[in-house]
Amino acid sequence: MSSLPAQFVGVTVVTKANIYFDGNVISHTVLFKDDSKKTLGLIRPGSYHFGTGAPERMEIVAGACTVTLDGTTAAKTYEAGTYFDVPGKSGFTIAVASGLCEYICSFLPA
């Protein structure tokens, strides 16, 4: 179980949105003083595949999604307050059945 922050203090937010899959996945990048970064985003209903460069942690803030990590066949459901980790140089398929799924993506050290 994740301890989700309600806000981030003392950060820089990149105003240009990251837009994927014809606007069905949208996020904004948040830069921290320690040079780490996160993205905050929304996923509309549908199924989407993402590749990763660095390892990532996806924390679900609201809604729900089903995730299949590359190299596996098992899909697992994640709801608000939970998270999943994705290895670097890998990927995952994320599916949202209805409503919006809100997330925080943290880019982890390799």
C-alpha atoms as a PDB file:
ATOM      1  CA  MET A   1       0.000   0.000   0.000  1.00  0.00           C
ATOM      2  CA  SER A   2       1.261   3.441  -0.901  1.00  0.00           C
ATOM      3  CA  SER A   3       1.180   6.620   1.169  1.00  0.00           C
ATOM      4  CA  LEU A   4       0.071   9.086  -1.484  1.00  0.00           C
ATOM      5  CA  PRO A   5       0.997  12.745  -1.071  1.00  0.00           C
ATOM      6  CA  ALA A   6      -1.804  15.316  -1.245  1.00  0.00           C
ATOM      7  CA  GLN A   7       0.571  17.916  -2.677  1.00  0.00           C
ATOM      8  CA  PHE A   8       4.191  18.593  -3.605  1.00  0.00           C
ATOM      9  CA  VAL A   9       5.862  21.686  -2.130  1.00  0.00           C
ATOM     10  CA  GLY A  10       8.813  23.611  -3.588  1.00  0.00           C
ATOM     11  CA  VAL A  11       8.737  22.065  -7.065  1.00  0.00           C
ATOM     12  CA  THR A  12       8.809  23.234 -10.662  1.00  0.00           C
ATOM     13  CA  VAL A  13       5.973  22.127 -12.927  1.00  0.00           C
ATOM     14  CA  VAL A  14       6.515  21.967 -16.679  1.00  0.00           C
ATOM     15  CA  THR A  15       3.503  23.672 -18.226  1.00  0.00           C
ATOM     16  CA  LYS A  16       3.592  21.816 -21.557  1.00  0.00           C
ATOM     17  CA  ALA A  17       1.565  18.624 -21.200  1.00  0.00           C
ATOM     18  CA  ASN A  18       2.816  15.183 -22.207  1.00  0.00           C
ATOM     19  CA  ILE A  19       0.044  13.931 -24.510  1.00  0.00           C
ATOM     20  CA  TYR A  20      -0.180  10.295 -25.618  1.00  0.00           C
ATOM     21  CA  PHE A  21      -2.650   8.162 -27.572  1.00  0.00           C
ATOM     22  CA  ASP A  22      -4.641  11.025 -29.135  1.00  0.00           C
ATOM     23  CA  GLY A  23      -5.119  12.725 -25.762  1.00  0.00           C
ATOM     24  CA  ASN A  24      -6.330   9.650 -23.895  1.00  0.00           C
ATOM     25  CA  VAL A  25      -3.296   9.771 -21.577  1.00  0.00           C
ATOM     26  CA  ILE A  26      -2.126  13.190 -20.406  1.00  0.00           C
ATOM     27  CA  SER A  27       0.480  14.104 -17.802  1.00  0.00           C
ATOM     28  CA  HIS A  28       2.562  17.006 -16.523  1.00  0.00           C
ATOM     29  CA  THR A  29       6.175  16.750 -15.394  1.00  0.00           C
ATOM     30  CA  VAL A  30       7.113  17.816 -11.854  1.00  0.00           C
ATOM     31  CA  LEU A  31      10.795  18.598 -11.161  1.00  0.00           C
ATOM     32  CA  PHE A  32      12.201  18.428  -7.623  1.00  0.00           C
ATOM     33  CA  LYS A  33      15.140  20.295  -6.052  1.00  0.00           C
ATOM     34  CA  ASP A  34      17.088  17.005  -5.729  1.00  0.00           C
ATOM     35  CA  ASP A  35      16.899  16.603  -9.551  1.00  0.00           C
ATOM     36  CA  SER A  36      14.331  13.802  -9.336  1.00  0.00           C
ATOM     37  CA  LYS A  37      11.174  13.978 -11.408  1.00  0.00           C
ATOM     38  CA  LYS A  38       7.649  12.652 -11.443  1.00  0.00           C
ATOM     39  CA  THR A  39       4.707  12.951 -13.760  1.00  0.00           C
ATOM     40  CA  LEU A  40       1.108  13.463 -12.675  1.00  0.00           C
ATOM     41  CA  GLY A  41      -1.440  12.187 -15.117  1.00  0.00           C
ATOM     42  CA  LEU A  42      -4.853  10.994 -16.183  1.00  0.00           C
ATOM     43  CA  ILE A  43      -5.769   7.937 -18.241  1.00  0.00           C
ATOM     44  CA  ARG A  44      -9.105   7.685 -20.038  1.00  0.00           C
ATOM     45  CA  PRO A  45     -10.790   4.340 -20.720  1.00  0.00           C
ATOM     46  CA  GLY A  46      -8.857   2.138 -23.135  1.00  0.00           C
ATOM     47  CA  SER A  47      -5.719   0.020 -23.285  1.00  0.00           C
ATOM     48  CA  TYR A  48      -2.270   1.575 -23.786  1.00  0.00           C
ATOM     49  CA  HIS A  49       1.286   0.242 -23.953  1.00  0.00           C
ATOM     50  CA  PHE A  50       4.245   2.230 -22.569  1.00  0.00           C
ATOM     51  CA  GLY A  51       7.951   1.503 -22.768  1.00  0.00           C
ATOM     52  CA  THR A  52      10.320   2.499 -19.986  1.00  0.00           C
ATOM     53  CA  GLY A  53      13.867   3.792 -20.073  1.00  0.00           C
ATOM     54  CA  ALA A  54      14.460   4.066 -16.330  1.00  0.00           C
ATOM     55  CA  PRO A  55      12.657   2.051 -13.647  1.00  0.00           C
ATOM     56  CA  GLU A  56       9.292   3.575 -12.687  1.00  0.00           C
ATOM     57  CA  ARG A  57       6.799   3.403  -9.843  1.00  0.00           C
ATOM     58  CA  MET A  58       3.182   4.066 -10.800  1.00  0.00           C
ATOM     59  CA  GLU A  59       1.011   5.099  -7.843  1.00  0.00           C
ATOM     60  CA  ILE A  60      -2.724   5.135  -8.455  1.00  0.00           C
ATOM     61  CA  VAL A  61      -4.304   8.264  -6.967  1.00  0.00           C
ATOM     62  CA  ALA A  62      -7.923   7.721  -8.087  1.00  0.00           C
ATOM     63  CA  GLY A  63      -9.855   5.229 -10.189  1.00  0.00           C
ATOM     64  CA  ALA A  64      -8.552   1.817 -11.156  1.00  0.00           C
ATOM     65  CA  CYS A  65      -6.543   0.115 -13.869  1.00  0.00           C
ATOM     66  CA  THR A  66      -5.379  -3.317 -14.958  1.00  0.00           C
ATOM     67  CA  VAL A  67      -1.678  -3.755 -15.710  1.00  0.00           C
ATOM     68  CA  THR A  68       0.317  -6.404 -17.553  1.00  0.00           C
ATOM     69  CA  LEU A  69       4.095  -6.043 -17.299  1.00  0.00           C
ATOM     70  CA  ASP A  70       6.111  -6.911 -20.401  1.00  0.00           C
ATOM     71  CA  GLY A  71       7.301 -10.507 -20.292  1.00  0.00           C
ATOM     72  CA  THR A  72       4.308 -11.659 -18.230  1.00  0.00           C
ATOM     73  CA  THR A  73       0.794 -12.762 -19.084  1.00  0.00           C
ATOM     74  CA  ALA A  74      -0.808 -12.085 -15.698  1.00  0.00           C
ATOM     75  CA  ALA A  75      -2.882  -8.929 -15.496  1.00  0.00           C
ATOM     76  CA  LYS A  76      -3.266  -7.338 -12.062  1.00  0.00           C
ATOM     77  CA  THR A  77      -5.766  -4.689 -10.975  1.00  0.00           C
ATOM     78  CA  TYR A  78      -4.636  -1.615  -9.049  1.00  0.00           C
ATOM     79  CA  GLU A  79      -6.938   0.822  -7.265  1.00  0.00           C
ATOM     80  CA  ALA A  80      -6.425   4.168  -5.505  1.00  0.00           C
ATOM     81  CA  GLY A  81      -3.722   3.923  -2.860  1.00  0.00           C
ATOM     82  CA  THR A  82      -1.823   1.079  -4.530  1.00  0.00           C
ATOM     83  CA  TYR A  83       1.209   1.043  -6.805  1.00  0.00           C
ATOM     84  CA  PHE A  84       3.226  -1.102  -9.172  1.00  0.00           C
ATOM     85  CA  ASP A  85       6.873  -0.981 -10.226  1.00  0.00           C
ATOM     86  CA  VAL A  86       8.133  -1.355 -13.777  1.00  0.00           C
ATOM     87  CA  PRO A  87      11.747  -2.309 -14.530  1.00  0.00           C
ATOM     88  CA  GLY A  88      13.877  -0.031 -16.688  1.00  0.00           C
ATOM     89  CA  LYS A  89      14.205  -0.837 -20.396  1.00  0.00           C
ATOM     90  CA  SER A  90      10.916  -2.709 -20.208  1.00  0.00           C
ATOM     91  CA  GLY A  91       7.269  -1.773 -20.541  1.00  0.00           C
ATOM     92  CA  PHE A  92       3.701  -2.388 -19.536  1.00  0.00           C
ATOM     93  CA  THR A  93       0.163  -2.344 -20.839  1.00  0.00           C
ATOM     94  CA  ILE A  94      -2.290  -0.369 -18.744  1.00  0.00           C
ATOM     95  CA  ALA A  95      -6.049  -0.632 -19.258  1.00  0.00           C
ATOM     96  CA  VAL A  96      -8.829   1.484 -17.764  1.00  0.00           C
ATOM     97  CA  ALA A  97     -12.338   0.038 -18.009  1.00  0.00           C
ATOM     98  CA  SER A  98     -14.330   3.163 -17.078  1.00  0.00           C
ATOM     99  CA  GLY A  99     -13.956   6.621 -15.613  1.00  0.00           C
ATOM    100  CA  LEU A 100     -10.532   8.176 -15.168  1.00  0.00           C
ATOM    101  CA  CYS A 101      -7.433   6.681 -13.625  1.00  0.00           C
ATOM    102  CA  GLU A 102      -5.207   9.303 -11.958  1.00  0.00           C
ATOM    103  CA  TYR A 103      -1.578   8.478 -11.262  1.00  0.00           C
ATOM    104  CA  ILE A 104       1.807   9.662 -10.043  1.00  0.00           C
ATOM    105  CA  CYS A 105       4.740   8.201 -11.958  1.00  0.00           C
ATOM    106  CA  SER A 106       8.088   8.351 -10.153  1.00  0.00           C
ATOM    107  CA  PHE A 107      11.272   7.786 -12.121  1.00  0.00           C
ATOM    108  CA  LEU A 108      13.495   5.622  -9.917  1.00  0.00           C
ATOM    109  CA  PRO A 109      17.279   5.359  -9.832  1.00  0.00           C
ATOM    110  CA  ALA A 110      18.592   2.639 -12.137  1.00  0.00           C
END
